[in-house]
């Protein structure tokens, strides 16, 4: 916890989906929300919100790690990672 909260920017949530090193491929109809480069799209993703929520809630359970943390060192310890429901 000391490491996780030792930043100027920390996201705290009671409802999340974390994919870390194992990002999931979006369905074709949601790919327009993918943004490459700098800045963000502000409200340009608004038309996709409902479809995105429907997709993620039907494919994954909330509050699980679906991939290892990006900066976590490799370890031999067994870690529980959530699979697809």
Protein backbone atom coordinates (compact mmCIF):
# COMPACT_ATOMS: atom_id res chain seq x y z
CA UNK A 1 0.00 0.00 0.00
CA UNK A 2 2.88 2.37 0.79
CA UNK A 3 4.23 1.93 -2.76
CA UNK A 4 0.78 2.17 -4.40
CA UNK A 5 -0.10 5.41 -2.65
CA UNK A 6 3.34 6.99 -3.02
CA UNK A 7 2.41 9.00 -6.10
CA UNK A 8 0.82 12.33 -6.84
CA UNK A 9 -1.79 10.42 -8.85
CA UNK A 10 -3.43 7.30 -7.46
CA UNK A 11 -6.68 5.79 -8.67
CA UNK A 12 -8.88 4.32 -5.95
CA UNK A 13 -11.97 2.42 -6.96
CA UNK A 14 -14.55 -0.01 -5.67
CA UNK A 15 -15.45 -1.08 -9.22
CA UNK A 16 -12.71 -1.85 -11.73
CA UNK A 17 -11.40 -4.20 -14.41
CA UNK A 18 -7.59 -4.44 -14.50
CA UNK A 19 -5.85 -6.03 -17.49
CA UNK A 20 -2.28 -4.82 -16.88
CA UNK A 21 0.14 -6.71 -19.13
CA UNK A 22 -2.72 -8.70 -20.69
CA UNK A 23 -4.97 -6.25 -22.54
CA UNK A 24 -8.10 -7.68 -24.14
CA UNK A 25 -8.92 -7.07 -27.76
CA UNK A 26 -12.00 -4.94 -28.22
CA UNK A 27 -14.77 -6.17 -30.49
CA UNK A 28 -14.75 -4.56 -33.92
CA UNK A 29 -17.75 -2.31 -33.17
CA UNK A 30 -15.89 -0.73 -30.20
CA UNK A 31 -12.55 -0.10 -31.88
CA UNK A 32 -13.30 3.55 -32.72
CA UNK A 33 -12.78 4.33 -29.01
CA UNK A 34 -9.10 3.39 -29.30
CA UNK A 35 -7.05 6.55 -29.31
CA UNK A 36 -3.44 6.65 -30.39
CA UNK A 37 -1.15 9.54 -29.68
CA UNK A 38 -1.40 12.41 -27.26
CA UNK A 39 -4.43 14.02 -25.67
CA UNK A 40 -7.84 12.46 -25.25
CA UNK A 41 -11.07 12.44 -27.18
CA UNK A 42 -13.26 14.12 -24.53
CA UNK A 43 -16.87 13.38 -25.55
CA UNK A 44 -16.16 11.59 -28.84
CA UNK A 45 -16.62 8.21 -27.13
CA UNK A 46 -20.07 9.08 -25.79
CA UNK A 47 -21.91 7.08 -28.50
CA UNK A 48 -20.00 3.94 -27.44
CA UNK A 49 -20.55 4.05 -23.67
CA UNK A 50 -23.61 1.82 -23.56
CA UNK A 51 -22.14 -0.78 -25.94
CA UNK A 52 -18.82 -0.79 -24.03
CA UNK A 53 -20.52 -1.30 -20.66
CA UNK A 54 -22.63 -4.10 -22.13
CA UNK A 55 -19.53 -5.80 -23.57
CA UNK A 56 -17.28 -5.55 -20.51
CA UNK A 57 -19.96 -6.61 -18.03
CA UNK A 58 -20.93 -9.62 -20.16
CA UNK A 59 -17.32 -10.80 -20.62
CA UNK A 60 -15.66 -10.01 -17.29
CA UNK A 61 -16.42 -9.84 -13.59
CA UNK A 62 -15.59 -6.54 -11.86
CA UNK A 63 -12.92 -6.05 -9.19
CA UNK A 64 -10.49 -8.62 -10.55
CA UNK A 65 -6.98 -8.64 -11.93
CA UNK A 66 -7.04 -10.17 -15.40
CA UNK A 67 -3.32 -9.59 -15.94
CA UNK A 68 -0.19 -8.92 -13.95
CA UNK A 69 0.59 -5.35 -13.00
CA UNK A 70 2.70 -3.65 -15.64
CA UNK A 71 5.64 -2.85 -13.37
CA UNK A 72 5.43 -5.90 -11.12
CA UNK A 73 8.63 -7.97 -11.09
CA UNK A 74 8.44 -11.58 -12.17
CA UNK A 75 7.94 -13.92 -9.22
CA UNK A 76 7.55 -17.62 -8.60
CA UNK A 77 4.81 -17.03 -6.07
CA UNK A 78 1.35 -18.15 -7.07
CA UNK A 79 -0.87 -15.18 -7.82
CA UNK A 80 -4.64 -15.45 -8.31
CA UNK A 81 -5.60 -13.89 -11.64
CA UNK A 82 -9.26 -13.73 -12.64
CA UNK A 83 -10.12 -15.52 -15.88
CA UNK A 84 -13.12 -15.03 -18.03
CA UNK A 85 -16.31 -15.95 -16.16
